[in-house]
Amino acid sequence: MDRAMGLLEGQMMRTPGREIISTRQEKLAALAQMEPKLELTTLAHHIDEVWLREAYRRTRKDGAAGVDGVTAAQYEADLETNLASLLERFKSGRYRAPAVRRVHIPKPGAGKKTRPIGIPTLEDKVLQRAVLMVLEPVCCISDYFTGSFQNYLACKKVAFLTLITAVVQSWQVE
């Protein structure tokens, strides 16, 4: 069956990268379930170019640009080179999260009051997503084996809080 016909019939086509990542996440979840007392001291070695490409695919591209002003379209123009550079800096320990652009947005129903939000760079969002994709299967074992939506939400929260704790210390606000 060709791709167009499959899409017309409501069948989603999966890319090989997505299948590889899904399989690798299932293996991480299985390892965490088999050895619950095993202390996983590093998970960074699971992040490679395929992993970063999938993280980029999952990252929202319509958000505002960070302090570097780079949009998703600009980053995607040289995607493979950008991801290779990001991976090399991450693996070598040279990656430092850039400053977060602070923007004040109006509070709903509060008149002229505003609240500050931080906007990270696209590249930082991609790396955060990649790290989250590694943490989810380890922190969210029940999500991979029970399929409960409530468990899924609780696990996403745990993984997200773990990620935030790990990266927020290196952020600087401009």
N, C-alpha and C. Protein backbone atom coordinates (compact mmCIF):
# COMPACT_ATOMS: atom_id res chain seq x y z
N MET A 1 0.85 -1.18 0.00
CA MET A 1 0.00 0.00 0.00
C MET A 1 0.90 1.24 0.00
N ASP A 2 0.58 2.20 -0.84
CA ASP A 2 1.41 3.40 -0.86
C ASP A 2 1.03 4.35 0.28
N ARG A 3 1.93 5.30 0.56
CA ARG A 3 1.77 6.21 1.70
C ARG A 3 0.48 7.01 1.62
N ALA A 4 0.17 7.56 0.45
CA ALA A 4 -1.02 8.40 0.30
C ALA A 4 -2.29 7.61 0.61
N MET A 5 -2.36 6.39 0.09
CA MET A 5 -3.55 5.56 0.32
C MET A 5 -3.67 5.22 1.81
N GLY A 6 -2.56 4.92 2.44
CA GLY A 6 -2.58 4.60 3.87
C GLY A 6 -3.06 5.76 4.70
N LEU A 7 -2.61 6.98 4.36
CA LEU A 7 -3.04 8.16 5.09
C LEU A 7 -4.52 8.44 4.87
N LEU A 8 -5.00 8.22 3.63
CA LEU A 8 -6.41 8.42 3.35
C LEU A 8 -7.28 7.46 4.15
N GLU A 9 -6.78 6.27 4.40
CA GLU A 9 -7.53 5.29 5.15
C GLU A 9 -7.32 5.43 6.65
N GLY A 10 -6.63 6.50 7.08
CA GLY A 10 -6.46 6.76 8.50
C GLY A 10 -5.32 6.00 9.14
N GLN A 11 -4.45 5.41 8.34
CA GLN A 11 -3.34 4.67 8.91
C GLN A 11 -2.12 5.58 8.99
N MET A 12 -1.58 5.71 10.19
CA MET A 12 -0.41 6.55 10.39
C MET A 12 0.84 5.79 9.95
N MET A 13 1.68 6.45 9.21
CA MET A 13 2.96 5.86 8.82
C MET A 13 4.00 6.26 9.86
N ARG A 14 4.78 5.32 10.35
CA ARG A 14 5.81 5.60 11.33
C ARG A 14 7.16 5.68 10.63
N THR A 15 7.97 6.60 11.09
CA THR A 15 9.30 6.69 10.52
C THR A 15 10.21 5.71 11.25
N PRO A 16 11.24 5.21 10.58
CA PRO A 16 12.15 4.26 11.23
C PRO A 16 12.77 4.82 12.50
N GLY A 17 13.09 6.12 12.53
CA GLY A 17 13.68 6.72 13.73
C GLY A 17 12.74 6.64 14.92
N ARG A 18 11.45 6.87 14.69
CA ARG A 18 10.46 6.80 15.77
C ARG A 18 10.37 5.38 16.31
N GLU A 19 10.41 4.39 15.42
CA GLU A 19 10.33 3.00 15.86
C GLU A 19 11.57 2.62 16.68
N ILE A 20 12.74 3.09 16.24
CA ILE A 20 13.97 2.81 16.97
C ILE A 20 13.91 3.41 18.37
N ILE A 21 13.48 4.65 18.48
CA ILE A 21 13.40 5.32 19.77
C ILE A 21 12.39 4.62 20.67
N SER A 22 11.24 4.28 20.12
CA SER A 22 10.22 3.59 20.89
C SER A 22 10.74 2.26 21.44
N THR A 23 11.45 1.51 20.62
CA THR A 23 12.01 0.24 21.05
C THR A 23 13.06 0.46 22.14
N ARG A 24 13.89 1.46 21.96
CA ARG A 24 14.91 1.74 22.96
C ARG A 24 14.29 2.20 24.28
N GLN A 25 13.21 2.97 24.20
CA GLN A 25 12.53 3.39 25.43
C GLN A 25 11.90 2.19 26.13
N GLU A 26 11.33 1.28 25.37
CA GLU A 26 10.76 0.07 25.97
C GLU A 26 11.83 -0.76 26.66
N LYS A 27 13.03 -0.84 26.08
CA LYS A 27 14.13 -1.57 26.71
C LYS A 27 14.57 -0.90 28.01
N LEU A 28 14.61 0.44 28.02
CA LEU A 28 14.95 1.16 29.25
C LEU A 28 13.91 0.89 30.34
N ALA A 29 12.64 0.92 29.96
CA ALA A 29 11.57 0.66 30.92
C ALA A 29 11.65 -0.76 31.45
N ALA A 30 11.93 -1.72 30.57
CA ALA A 30 12.05 -3.12 31.00
C ALA A 30 13.22 -3.29 31.97
N LEU A 31 14.34 -2.64 31.69
CA LEU A 31 15.49 -2.71 32.58
C LEU A 31 15.15 -2.12 33.95
N ALA A 32 14.49 -0.98 33.95
CA ALA A 32 14.11 -0.34 35.21
C ALA A 32 13.12 -1.20 35.99
N GLN A 33 12.25 -1.93 35.28
CA GLN A 33 11.28 -2.79 35.96
C GLN A 33 11.93 -4.06 36.49
N MET A 34 12.86 -4.65 35.72
CA MET A 34 13.53 -5.88 36.15
C MET A 34 14.42 -5.63 37.36
N GLU A 35 15.07 -4.50 37.38
CA GLU A 35 16.03 -4.18 38.44
C GLU A 35 15.61 -2.88 39.14
N PRO A 36 14.52 -2.91 39.93
CA PRO A 36 14.03 -1.66 40.53
C PRO A 36 15.02 -1.02 41.50
N LYS A 37 15.90 -1.81 42.09
CA LYS A 37 16.87 -1.25 43.04
C LYS A 37 18.17 -0.84 42.36
N LEU A 38 18.29 -1.15 41.06
CA LEU A 38 19.49 -0.79 40.31
C LEU A 38 19.57 0.73 40.20
N GLU A 39 20.71 1.27 40.57
CA GLU A 39 20.90 2.70 40.47
C GLU A 39 21.48 3.02 39.10
N LEU A 40 20.69 3.72 38.31
CA LEU A 40 21.14 4.10 36.98
C LEU A 40 21.89 5.42 37.11
N THR A 41 23.21 5.35 37.08
CA THR A 41 24.01 6.54 37.34
C THR A 41 24.13 7.44 36.12
N THR A 42 24.00 6.89 34.94
CA THR A 42 24.04 7.73 33.74
C THR A 42 23.12 7.14 32.67
N LEU A 43 22.43 8.02 32.02
CA LEU A 43 21.57 7.62 30.91
C LEU A 43 21.94 8.41 29.65
N ALA A 44 22.93 9.28 29.78
CA ALA A 44 23.31 10.17 28.68
C ALA A 44 23.78 9.40 27.44
N HIS A 45 24.35 8.22 27.64
CA HIS A 45 24.87 7.46 26.49
C HIS A 45 23.76 6.99 25.55
N HIS A 46 22.51 7.06 25.99
CA HIS A 46 21.39 6.68 25.13
C HIS A 46 21.07 7.76 24.09
N ILE A 47 21.52 8.97 24.34
CA ILE A 47 21.23 10.07 23.43
C ILE A 47 22.26 10.08 22.30
N ASP A 48 21.78 9.93 21.08
CA ASP A 48 22.62 9.96 19.89
C ASP A 48 21.92 10.81 18.84
N GLU A 49 22.43 10.80 17.61
CA GLU A 49 21.84 11.66 16.57
C GLU A 49 20.40 11.27 16.23
N VAL A 50 20.12 9.98 16.22
CA VAL A 50 18.74 9.52 15.94
C VAL A 50 17.82 10.02 17.05
N TRP A 51 18.29 9.92 18.29
CA TRP A 51 17.51 10.35 19.46
C TRP A 51 17.25 11.86 19.38
N LEU A 52 18.29 12.64 19.05
CA LEU A 52 18.13 14.09 18.95
C LEU A 52 17.20 14.47 17.79
N ARG A 53 17.28 13.75 16.68
CA ARG A 53 16.39 14.03 15.54
C ARG A 53 14.94 13.82 15.95
N GLU A 54 14.67 12.75 16.70
CA GLU A 54 13.31 12.50 17.18
C GLU A 54 12.89 13.55 18.20
N ALA A 55 13.82 13.95 19.06
CA ALA A 55 13.52 15.02 20.02
C ALA A 55 13.17 16.31 19.28
N TYR A 56 13.91 16.61 18.22
CA TYR A 56 13.61 17.80 17.42
C TYR A 56 12.21 17.67 16.81
N ARG A 57 11.89 16.50 16.27
CA ARG A 57 10.57 16.29 15.67
C ARG A 57 9.45 16.53 16.68
N ARG A 58 9.67 16.13 17.94
CA ARG A 58 8.65 16.27 18.98
C ARG A 58 8.58 17.67 19.59
N THR A 59 9.56 18.50 19.33
CA THR A 59 9.61 19.83 19.91
C THR A 59 8.71 20.79 19.13
N ARG A 60 7.93 21.59 19.87
CA ARG A 60 7.08 22.60 19.23
C ARG A 60 7.93 23.58 18.45
N LYS A 61 7.50 23.89 17.26
CA LYS A 61 8.30 24.76 16.41
C LYS A 61 7.66 26.13 16.19
N ASP A 62 6.49 26.33 16.77
CA ASP A 62 5.80 27.60 16.55
C ASP A 62 5.97 28.57 17.70
N GLY A 63 6.82 28.23 18.66
CA GLY A 63 7.04 29.10 19.81
C GLY A 63 7.97 30.25 19.47
N ALA A 64 8.05 31.17 20.40
CA ALA A 64 8.93 32.33 20.23
C ALA A 64 10.39 31.90 20.29
N ALA A 65 11.24 32.65 19.64
CA ALA A 65 12.68 32.38 19.65
C ALA A 65 13.28 32.80 20.98
N GLY A 66 14.34 32.12 21.38
CA GLY A 66 15.04 32.45 22.62
C GLY A 66 15.98 33.62 22.42
N VAL A 67 16.95 33.76 23.35
CA VAL A 67 17.86 34.91 23.30
C VAL A 67 18.72 34.92 22.04
N ASP A 68 18.93 33.76 21.42
CA ASP A 68 19.76 33.71 20.21
C ASP A 68 18.98 34.14 18.96
N GLY A 69 17.66 34.26 19.06
CA GLY A 69 16.84 34.69 17.94
C GLY A 69 16.65 33.66 16.85
N VAL A 70 17.12 32.43 17.06
CA VAL A 70 17.04 31.38 16.04
C VAL A 70 15.64 30.77 16.04
N THR A 71 15.01 30.78 14.88
CA THR A 71 13.69 30.18 14.72
C THR A 71 13.85 28.71 14.31
N ALA A 72 12.76 27.98 14.37
CA ALA A 72 12.78 26.57 13.96
C ALA A 72 13.17 26.44 12.48
N ALA A 73 12.67 27.35 11.65
CA ALA A 73 12.99 27.29 10.21
C ALA A 73 14.49 27.50 9.99
N GLN A 74 15.08 28.43 10.70
CA GLN A 74 16.52 28.67 10.57
C GLN A 74 17.33 27.48 11.05
N TYR A 75 16.91 26.90 12.18
CA TYR A 75 17.62 25.75 12.74
C TYR A 75 17.51 24.54 11.81
N GLU A 76 16.34 24.37 11.22
CA GLU A 76 16.08 23.23 10.35
C GLU A 76 16.82 23.34 9.01
N ALA A 77 17.18 24.55 8.62
CA ALA A 77 17.89 24.74 7.35
C ALA A 77 19.20 23.95 7.32
N ASP A 78 19.82 23.76 8.47
CA ASP A 78 21.06 22.98 8.56
C ASP A 78 20.92 22.00 9.73
N LEU A 79 19.81 21.28 9.74
CA LEU A 79 19.44 20.45 10.88
C LEU A 79 20.50 19.43 11.27
N GLU A 80 20.98 18.66 10.32
CA GLU A 80 21.94 17.59 10.66
C GLU A 80 23.21 18.14 11.28
N THR A 81 23.73 19.24 10.74
CA THR A 81 24.93 19.87 11.29
C THR A 81 24.66 20.41 12.69
N ASN A 82 23.51 21.07 12.86
CA ASN A 82 23.14 21.62 14.16
C ASN A 82 23.00 20.53 15.22
N LEU A 83 22.33 19.42 14.85
CA LEU A 83 22.15 18.33 15.81
C LEU A 83 23.48 17.65 16.13
N ALA A 84 24.34 17.50 15.13
CA ALA A 84 25.66 16.90 15.37
C ALA A 84 26.48 17.77 16.32
N SER A 85 26.41 19.07 16.13
CA SER A 85 27.13 20.00 17.01
C SER A 85 26.57 19.94 18.42
N LEU A 86 25.27 19.93 18.55
CA LEU A 86 24.62 19.85 19.86
C LEU A 86 25.03 18.56 20.56
N LEU A 87 24.99 17.44 19.84
CA LEU A 87 25.35 16.15 20.42
C LEU A 87 26.81 16.16 20.89
N GLU A 88 27.70 16.69 20.08
CA GLU A 88 29.11 16.71 20.44
C GLU A 88 29.34 17.55 21.70
N ARG A 89 28.69 18.72 21.79
CA ARG A 89 28.83 19.56 22.98
C ARG A 89 28.23 18.90 24.21
N PHE A 90 27.08 18.22 24.03
CA PHE A 90 26.43 17.51 25.13
C PHE A 90 27.31 16.37 25.63
N LYS A 91 27.81 15.55 24.72
CA LYS A 91 28.61 14.37 25.10
C LYS A 91 29.95 14.77 25.73
N SER A 92 30.54 15.88 25.27
CA SER A 92 31.85 16.30 25.79
C SER A 92 31.72 17.08 27.09
N GLY A 93 30.49 17.44 27.47
CA GLY A 93 30.29 18.21 28.70
C GLY A 93 30.46 19.70 28.50
N ARG A 94 30.62 20.14 27.26
CA ARG A 94 30.79 21.57 26.97
C ARG A 94 29.46 22.30 26.82
N TYR A 95 28.34 21.57 26.76
CA TYR A 95 27.06 22.25 26.56
C TYR A 95 26.67 22.98 27.84
N ARG A 96 26.35 24.23 27.70
CA ARG A 96 25.80 25.03 28.79
C ARG A 96 24.52 25.65 28.27
N ALA A 97 23.47 25.52 29.05
CA ALA A 97 22.20 26.10 28.62
C ALA A 97 22.35 27.61 28.51
N PRO A 98 21.95 28.17 27.37
CA PRO A 98 22.06 29.62 27.22
C PRO A 98 21.05 30.35 28.11
N ALA A 99 21.25 31.64 28.22
CA ALA A 99 20.32 32.45 29.00
C ALA A 99 18.90 32.27 28.47
N VAL A 100 17.94 32.43 29.34
CA VAL A 100 16.53 32.33 28.98
C VAL A 100 15.99 33.74 28.79
N ARG A 101 15.32 33.96 27.67
CA ARG A 101 14.76 35.29 27.40
C ARG A 101 13.52 35.48 28.25
N ARG A 102 13.50 36.57 29.02
CA ARG A 102 12.35 36.86 29.87
C ARG A 102 11.38 37.78 29.14
N VAL A 103 10.12 37.38 29.16
CA VAL A 103 9.06 38.14 28.52
C VAL A 103 7.93 38.27 29.53
N HIS A 104 7.28 39.41 29.54
CA HIS A 104 6.12 39.61 30.43
C HIS A 104 4.86 39.52 29.59
N ILE A 105 3.95 38.64 30.02
CA ILE A 105 2.68 38.48 29.31
C ILE A 105 1.55 38.90 30.23
N PRO A 106 0.44 39.39 29.66
CA PRO A 106 -0.67 39.83 30.51
C PRO A 106 -1.30 38.67 31.27
N LYS A 107 -1.66 38.96 32.53
CA LYS A 107 -2.39 37.97 33.32
C LYS A 107 -3.86 38.04 32.91
N PRO A 108 -4.47 36.88 32.65
CA PRO A 108 -5.89 36.91 32.26
C PRO A 108 -6.76 37.44 33.41
N GLY A 109 -7.61 38.39 33.10
CA GLY A 109 -8.55 38.92 34.07
C GLY A 109 -7.91 39.75 35.17
N ALA A 110 -6.68 40.21 34.97
CA ALA A 110 -6.00 40.98 36.01
C ALA A 110 -5.67 42.40 35.55
N GLY A 111 -6.40 42.88 34.58
CA GLY A 111 -6.18 44.25 34.11
C GLY A 111 -4.84 44.40 33.42
N LYS A 112 -4.01 45.31 33.95
CA LYS A 112 -2.72 45.58 33.32
C LYS A 112 -1.58 44.79 33.95
N LYS A 113 -1.88 43.88 34.86
CA LYS A 113 -0.82 43.10 35.49
C LYS A 113 -0.26 42.08 34.51
N THR A 114 1.03 41.81 34.66
CA THR A 114 1.70 40.84 33.79
C THR A 114 2.41 39.81 34.65
N ARG A 115 2.79 38.72 34.00
CA ARG A 115 3.61 37.71 34.67
C ARG A 115 4.79 37.38 33.78
N PRO A 116 5.95 37.15 34.38
CA PRO A 116 7.13 36.85 33.57
C PRO A 116 7.16 35.37 33.16
N ILE A 117 7.62 35.13 31.96
CA ILE A 117 7.88 33.76 31.51
C ILE A 117 9.28 33.73 30.90
N GLY A 118 9.89 32.57 30.93
CA GLY A 118 11.20 32.40 30.34
C GLY A 118 11.09 31.63 29.04
N ILE A 119 11.77 32.08 28.02
CA ILE A 119 11.73 31.41 26.72
C ILE A 119 13.13 30.89 26.40
N PRO A 120 13.32 29.56 26.50
CA PRO A 120 14.64 29.00 26.17
C PRO A 120 14.86 28.99 24.66
N THR A 121 16.10 28.80 24.25
CA THR A 121 16.41 28.70 22.82
C THR A 121 15.84 27.38 22.29
N LEU A 122 15.65 27.31 20.99
CA LEU A 122 15.14 26.09 20.37
C LEU A 122 16.08 24.92 20.65
N GLU A 123 17.38 25.16 20.54
CA GLU A 123 18.35 24.10 20.76
C GLU A 123 18.26 23.56 22.19
N ASP A 124 18.05 24.45 23.16
CA ASP A 124 17.90 24.02 24.54
C ASP A 124 16.61 23.21 24.71
N LYS A 125 15.54 23.61 24.02
CA LYS A 125 14.28 22.86 24.07
C LYS A 125 14.47 21.45 23.51
N VAL A 126 15.25 21.34 22.44
CA VAL A 126 15.50 20.03 21.81
C VAL A 126 16.25 19.13 22.79
N LEU A 127 17.30 19.66 23.43
CA LEU A 127 18.07 18.85 24.37
C LEU A 127 17.24 18.49 25.60
N GLN A 128 16.43 19.42 26.09
CA GLN A 128 15.54 19.10 27.20
C GLN A 128 14.59 17.97 26.83
N ARG A 129 14.05 18.02 25.62
CA ARG A 129 13.14 16.97 25.14
C ARG A 129 13.87 15.64 25.07
N ALA A 130 15.11 15.64 24.58
CA ALA A 130 15.89 14.40 24.46
C ALA A 130 16.13 13.79 25.85
N VAL A 131 16.47 14.62 26.82
CA VAL A 131 16.71 14.13 28.18
C VAL A 131 15.40 13.61 28.77
N LEU A 132 14.31 14.31 28.53
CA LEU A 132 13.01 13.85 29.02
C LEU A 132 12.64 12.50 28.40
N MET A 133 12.97 12.32 27.13
CA MET A 133 12.67 11.04 26.46
C MET A 133 13.46 9.88 27.07
N VAL A 134 14.62 10.16 27.67
CA VAL A 134 15.39 9.13 28.36
C VAL A 134 14.83 8.89 29.76
N LEU A 135 14.42 9.97 30.43
CA LEU A 135 13.94 9.85 31.80
C LEU A 135 12.56 9.19 31.90
N GLU A 136 11.69 9.47 30.95
CA GLU A 136 10.32 8.96 31.03
C GLU A 136 10.24 7.44 31.21
N PRO A 137 10.93 6.64 30.42
CA PRO A 137 10.79 5.19 30.60
C PRO A 137 11.32 4.71 31.95
N VAL A 138 12.31 5.39 32.49
CA VAL A 138 12.89 4.98 33.76
C VAL A 138 12.00 5.43 34.92
N CYS A 139 11.52 6.66 34.85
CA CYS A 139 10.67 7.20 35.92
C CYS A 139 9.23 6.72 35.81
N CYS A 140 8.83 6.31 34.64
CA CYS A 140 7.42 6.02 34.36
C CYS A 140 7.21 4.57 33.94
N ILE A 141 7.73 3.66 34.69
CA ILE A 141 7.64 2.24 34.34
C ILE A 141 6.18 1.83 34.13
N SER A 142 5.30 2.29 35.01
CA SER A 142 3.90 1.86 34.92
C SER A 142 3.26 2.31 33.61
N ASP A 143 3.69 3.45 33.08
CA ASP A 143 3.14 3.94 31.81
C ASP A 143 3.42 2.96 30.68
N TYR A 144 4.57 2.35 30.69
CA TYR A 144 4.96 1.46 29.60
C TYR A 144 4.33 0.07 29.72
N PHE A 145 3.80 -0.26 30.90
CA PHE A 145 3.27 -1.61 31.07
C PHE A 145 1.79 -1.68 31.43
N THR A 146 1.22 -0.60 31.99
CA THR A 146 -0.19 -0.67 32.37
C THR A 146 -1.09 0.10 31.42
N GLY A 147 -0.58 1.16 30.82
CA GLY A 147 -1.38 1.94 29.89
C GLY A 147 -2.38 2.86 30.57
N SER A 148 -2.30 3.03 31.89
CA SER A 148 -3.22 3.89 32.61
C SER A 148 -2.90 5.35 32.35
N PHE A 149 -3.92 6.12 31.97
CA PHE A 149 -3.69 7.53 31.66
C PHE A 149 -3.30 8.30 32.92
N GLN A 150 -3.90 7.97 34.06
CA GLN A 150 -3.54 8.66 35.31
C GLN A 150 -2.08 8.39 35.67
N ASN A 151 -1.65 7.14 35.50
CA ASN A 151 -0.24 6.83 35.75
C ASN A 151 0.64 7.60 34.78
N TYR A 152 0.21 7.70 33.55
CA TYR A 152 0.96 8.41 32.53
C TYR A 152 1.18 9.86 32.95
N LEU A 153 0.11 10.53 33.40
CA LEU A 153 0.24 11.93 33.81
C LEU A 153 1.15 12.07 35.01
N ALA A 154 1.02 11.19 35.99
CA ALA A 154 1.87 11.25 37.17
C ALA A 154 3.33 11.03 36.80
N CYS A 155 3.58 10.08 35.92
CA CYS A 155 4.95 9.78 35.50
C CYS A 155 5.56 10.91 34.70
N LYS A 156 4.77 11.51 33.81
CA LYS A 156 5.27 12.64 33.04
C LYS A 156 5.70 13.75 34.00
N LYS A 157 4.92 13.96 35.05
CA LYS A 157 5.24 15.01 36.01
C LYS A 157 6.56 14.71 36.72
N VAL A 158 6.75 13.46 37.16
CA VAL A 158 7.99 13.07 37.83
C VAL A 158 9.18 13.26 36.90
N ALA A 159 9.07 12.79 35.68
CA ALA A 159 10.17 12.91 34.73
C ALA A 159 10.46 14.38 34.43
N PHE A 160 9.42 15.18 34.28
CA PHE A 160 9.60 16.60 33.98
C PHE A 160 10.26 17.31 35.16
N LEU A 161 9.83 17.03 36.37
CA LEU A 161 10.44 17.66 37.54
C LEU A 161 11.89 17.24 37.71
N THR A 162 12.20 15.99 37.40
CA THR A 162 13.59 15.53 37.44
C THR A 162 14.42 16.30 36.43
N LEU A 163 13.88 16.48 35.23
CA LEU A 163 14.58 17.23 34.19
C LEU A 163 14.80 18.67 34.63
N ILE A 164 13.77 19.31 35.12
CA ILE A 164 13.87 20.72 35.52
C ILE A 164 14.91 20.88 36.62
N THR A 165 14.91 19.98 37.60
CA THR A 165 15.90 20.05 38.67
C THR A 165 17.31 19.96 38.12
N ALA A 166 17.49 19.12 37.10
CA ALA A 166 18.83 18.91 36.53
C ALA A 166 19.31 20.10 35.71
N VAL A 167 18.43 20.77 34.97
CA VAL A 167 18.90 21.80 34.05
C VAL A 167 18.73 23.23 34.55
N VAL A 168 17.82 23.46 35.47
CA VAL A 168 17.53 24.85 35.86
C VAL A 168 18.73 25.51 36.55
N GLN A 169 19.59 24.73 37.16
CA GLN A 169 20.76 25.31 37.84
C GLN A 169 21.71 25.97 36.85
N SER A 170 21.72 25.53 35.60
CA SER A 170 22.65 26.11 34.63
C SER A 170 22.03 27.26 33.84
N TRP A 171 20.74 27.53 34.04
CA TRP A 171 20.09 28.61 33.30
C TRP A 171 20.48 29.97 33.87
N GLN A 172 20.57 30.93 33.00
CA GLN A 172 20.77 32.31 33.38
C GLN A 172 19.61 33.08 32.76
N VAL A 173 19.10 34.05 33.48
CA VAL A 173 18.00 34.85 32.94
C VAL A 173 18.59 36.15 32.44
N GLU A 174 18.27 36.47 31.17
CA GLU A 174 18.80 37.70 30.58
C GLU A 174 17.95 38.86 30.98
